[in-house]
Amino acid sequence: QLMEELMEHQLLPDIITYNAVISACAKGGRWQEAISLYSALVGRRLNPSVVTCGSLISACEKAGRWQEALHVLEELPTFQVRANIITYNSAISSCEKRGRWQKALLIMAGTRDRG
């Protein structure tokens, strides 16, 4: 709703605005809204940051949406975003919460390969 109001007043949200709202969605358990906002920012040709992606992965993790979390993690290189400890931990946690320990181990192995 906030984003709609900004647009109504011809105020275009920037990446910082999207980051704040996606983070709020993650904290509020509104993973679907977070994904929708992420899709909107990509549709506007804004490049997500590691903060954007970390917040989105966290939203998915809290909702137990491990597949979506891994999709975001895999998409990072598309936007020249390098995962950090927060994004990896959230992705690993999303797998752990759904008993996907093999996926969690693969992520951990990938972090070692990337340094």
Foldseek 3Di string as FASTA:
>chain_A
DVCVVCVVVVHHDAQVVLLVVLLVCLVVLNLVVLVVSVVVCVVVVHQHELSSLLSNLSSCLVVLNLVVLVVSVVCQVVRPYDHDPSSLVSNLSSCVVVVNNVVSVVSVVVVVVVD
